[in-house]
Amino acid sequence: MIELIIYIFAIYGISFFVKEMDGPFDIMAKIRNLLMRIPLVNVFLYKLLSCYFCVGTYSGLAVYIIHNHLQHLNVYDMILWIFGGSTISMLGNLISNKLMEGSSGE
């Protein structure tokens, strides 16, 4: 049960870090800016980074691969982790937005 909670927080944490955070020494901001300058990648990457559902998809995939240590990868489990990751990321974003609305209104 505790592993499930850790996986949920890991998926949302990765999604939040990639999409919102600049990181220490602005590492993520510099990487995002560098990738946005590549002509064929910039439109795809902009759309990807503007969507929590999309970032969560890849976060779920990353957590699945890390969880299995690149061994015994199963396509069906991978698909479940991908859909679960996208849903976790989207719900986490909705919850954090609601919490921010509540705290700014007071």
C-alpha atoms as a PDB file:
ATOM      1  CA  MET A   1       0.000   0.000   0.000  1.00  0.00           C
ATOM      2  CA  ILE A   2       2.806   2.397   0.857  1.00  0.00           C
ATOM      3  CA  GLU A   3       4.430   1.647  -2.505  1.00  0.00           C
ATOM      4  CA  LEU A   4       1.257   2.752  -4.279  1.00  0.00           C
ATOM      5  CA  ILE A   5       1.290   6.065  -2.423  1.00  0.00           C
ATOM      6  CA  ILE A   6       4.964   6.545  -3.262  1.00  0.00           C
ATOM      7  CA  TYR A   7       4.277   5.840  -6.944  1.00  0.00           C
ATOM      8  CA  ILE A   8       1.394   8.308  -7.012  1.00  0.00           C
ATOM      9  CA  PHE A   9       3.518  11.047  -5.460  1.00  0.00           C
ATOM     10  CA  ALA A  10       6.446  10.176  -7.729  1.00  0.00           C
ATOM     11  CA  ILE A  11       4.303  10.493 -10.857  1.00  0.00           C
ATOM     12  CA  TYR A  12       2.833  13.803  -9.772  1.00  0.00           C
ATOM     13  CA  GLY A  13       6.221  15.048  -8.545  1.00  0.00           C
ATOM     14  CA  ILE A  14       7.905  14.309 -11.860  1.00  0.00           C
ATOM     15  CA  SER A  15       5.041  15.935 -13.759  1.00  0.00           C
ATOM     16  CA  PHE A  16       5.116  19.038 -11.587  1.00  0.00           C
ATOM     17  CA  PHE A  17       8.899  19.302 -11.777  1.00  0.00           C
ATOM     18  CA  VAL A  18       9.001  19.001 -15.572  1.00  0.00           C
ATOM     19  CA  LYS A  19       6.076  21.332 -16.222  1.00  0.00           C
ATOM     20  CA  GLU A  20       6.270  23.986 -13.519  1.00  0.00           C
ATOM     21  CA  MET A  21       9.616  24.074 -11.749  1.00  0.00           C
ATOM     22  CA  ASP A  22      12.776  25.798 -12.902  1.00  0.00           C
ATOM     23  CA  GLY A  23      14.895  23.482 -10.796  1.00  0.00           C
ATOM     24  CA  PRO A  24      18.071  24.210  -8.939  1.00  0.00           C
ATOM     25  CA  PHE A  25      20.234  26.728 -10.762  1.00  0.00           C
ATOM     26  CA  ASP A  26      17.414  27.051 -13.360  1.00  0.00           C
ATOM     27  CA  ILE A  27      18.423  23.732 -14.943  1.00  0.00           C
ATOM     28  CA  MET A  28      14.918  22.784 -16.097  1.00  0.00           C
ATOM     29  CA  ALA A  29      14.203  26.266 -17.410  1.00  0.00           C
ATOM     30  CA  LYS A  30      17.421  26.184 -19.443  1.00  0.00           C
ATOM     31  CA  ILE A  31      16.630  22.709 -20.804  1.00  0.00           C
ATOM     32  CA  ARG A  32      13.102  23.761 -21.779  1.00  0.00           C
ATOM     33  CA  ASN A  33      14.412  26.923 -23.476  1.00  0.00           C
ATOM     34  CA  LEU A  34      17.074  24.951 -25.322  1.00  0.00           C
ATOM     35  CA  LEU A  35      14.576  22.370 -26.550  1.00  0.00           C
ATOM     36  CA  MET A  36      12.149  25.078 -27.647  1.00  0.00           C
ATOM     37  CA  ARG A  37      14.797  26.415 -30.045  1.00  0.00           C
ATOM     38  CA  ILE A  38      14.983  23.170 -32.051  1.00  0.00           C
ATOM     39  CA  PRO A  39      12.850  23.817 -35.162  1.00  0.00           C
ATOM     40  CA  LEU A  40      10.945  20.531 -35.502  1.00  0.00           C
ATOM     41  CA  VAL A  41      10.700  19.753 -31.806  1.00  0.00           C
ATOM     42  CA  ASN A  42       9.515  23.094 -30.415  1.00  0.00           C
ATOM     43  CA  VAL A  43       5.820  22.856 -31.383  1.00  0.00           C
ATOM     44  CA  PHE A  44       5.526  19.268 -30.152  1.00  0.00           C
ATOM     45  CA  LEU A  45       7.348  20.079 -26.929  1.00  0.00           C
ATOM     46  CA  TYR A  46       5.290  23.213 -26.288  1.00  0.00           C
ATOM     47  CA  LYS A  47       2.076  21.232 -26.611  1.00  0.00           C
ATOM     48  CA  LEU A  48       3.487  18.471 -24.439  1.00  0.00           C
ATOM     49  CA  LEU A  49       4.609  20.801 -21.669  1.00  0.00           C
ATOM     50  CA  SER A  50       1.372  22.764 -21.609  1.00  0.00           C
ATOM     51  CA  CYS A  51      -0.697  19.696 -20.701  1.00  0.00           C
ATOM     52  CA  TYR A  52      -0.555  17.869 -17.351  1.00  0.00           C
ATOM     53  CA  PHE A  53      -2.257  14.864 -18.938  1.00  0.00           C
ATOM     54  CA  CYS A  54       0.543  14.603 -21.518  1.00  0.00           C
ATOM     55  CA  VAL A  55       3.383  15.113 -19.057  1.00  0.00           C
ATOM     56  CA  GLY A  56       1.748  12.596 -16.720  1.00  0.00           C
ATOM     57  CA  THR A  57       1.730  10.019 -19.498  1.00  0.00           C
ATOM     58  CA  TYR A  58       5.497  10.120 -19.765  1.00  0.00           C
ATOM     59  CA  SER A  59       5.887  10.385 -15.995  1.00  0.00           C
ATOM     60  CA  GLY A  60       3.875   7.197 -15.548  1.00  0.00           C
ATOM     61  CA  LEU A  61       6.031   5.485 -18.155  1.00  0.00           C
ATOM     62  CA  ALA A  62       9.227   6.658 -16.426  1.00  0.00           C
ATOM     63  CA  VAL A  63       8.052   5.446 -13.007  1.00  0.00           C
ATOM     64  CA  TYR A  64       7.034   2.085 -14.507  1.00  0.00           C
ATOM     65  CA  ILE A  65      10.439   1.607 -16.125  1.00  0.00           C
ATOM     66  CA  ILE A  66      12.268   2.655 -12.943  1.00  0.00           C
ATOM     67  CA  HIS A  67      10.003   0.402 -10.850  1.00  0.00           C
ATOM     68  CA  ASN A  68      10.828  -2.646 -12.983  1.00  0.00           C
ATOM     69  CA  HIS A  69      14.563  -1.864 -13.222  1.00  0.00           C
ATOM     70  CA  LEU A  70      14.381  -2.313 -17.028  1.00  0.00           C
ATOM     71  CA  GLN A  71      13.614  -5.998 -16.492  1.00  0.00           C
ATOM     72  CA  HIS A  72      10.419  -7.945 -17.027  1.00  0.00           C
ATOM     73  CA  LEU A  73       8.703  -5.111 -18.883  1.00  0.00           C
ATOM     74  CA  ASN A  74       5.169  -6.012 -19.882  1.00  0.00           C
ATOM     75  CA  VAL A  75       3.306  -4.067 -22.573  1.00  0.00           C
ATOM     76  CA  TYR A  76      -0.055  -4.399 -20.830  1.00  0.00           C
ATOM     77  CA  ASP A  77       1.282  -3.211 -17.491  1.00  0.00           C
ATOM     78  CA  MET A  78       3.109  -0.389 -19.250  1.00  0.00           C
ATOM     79  CA  ILE A  79      -0.144   0.786 -20.848  1.00  0.00           C
ATOM     80  CA  LEU A  80      -1.867   0.742 -17.447  1.00  0.00           C
ATOM     81  CA  TRP A  81       0.958   2.785 -15.908  1.00  0.00           C
ATOM     82  CA  ILE A  82       0.780   5.266 -18.785  1.00  0.00           C
ATOM     83  CA  PHE A  83      -2.965   5.822 -18.381  1.00  0.00           C
ATOM     84  CA  GLY A  84      -2.667   5.830 -14.606  1.00  0.00           C
ATOM     85  CA  GLY A  85       0.157   8.349 -14.732  1.00  0.00           C
ATOM     86  CA  SER A  86      -1.757  10.711 -16.975  1.00  0.00           C
ATOM     87  CA  THR A  87      -4.827  10.513 -14.743  1.00  0.00           C
ATOM     88  CA  ILE A  88      -2.821  10.976 -11.537  1.00  0.00           C
ATOM     89  CA  SER A  89      -1.069  13.997 -12.983  1.00  0.00           C
ATOM     90  CA  MET A  90      -4.296  15.576 -14.208  1.00  0.00           C
ATOM     91  CA  LEU A  91      -6.108  14.974 -10.891  1.00  0.00           C
ATOM     92  CA  GLY A  92      -3.135  16.263  -8.906  1.00  0.00           C
ATOM     93  CA  ASN A  93      -3.181  19.447 -10.967  1.00  0.00           C
ATOM     94  CA  LEU A  94      -6.919  19.899 -10.404  1.00  0.00           C
ATOM     95  CA  ILE A  95      -6.526  19.371  -6.658  1.00  0.00           C
ATOM     96  CA  SER A  96      -3.610  21.790  -6.376  1.00  0.00           C
ATOM     97  CA  ASN A  97      -5.520  24.417  -8.386  1.00  0.00           C
ATOM     98  CA  LYS A  98      -8.521  24.074  -6.050  1.00  0.00           C
ATOM     99  CA  LEU A  99      -6.282  24.379  -3.013  1.00  0.00           C
ATOM    100  CA  MET A 100      -4.625  27.488  -4.451  1.00  0.00           C
ATOM    101  CA  GLU A 101      -8.034  29.060  -5.179  1.00  0.00           C
ATOM    102  CA  GLY A 102      -9.095  28.466  -1.597  1.00  0.00           C
ATOM    103  CA  SER A 103      -5.930  29.943  -0.106  1.00  0.00           C
ATOM    104  CA  SER A 104      -5.881  33.049  -2.323  1.00  0.00           C
ATOM    105  CA  GLY A 105      -9.504  33.945  -1.655  1.00  0.00           C
ATOM    106  CA  GLU A 106      -8.992  34.493   2.062  1.00  0.00           C
END
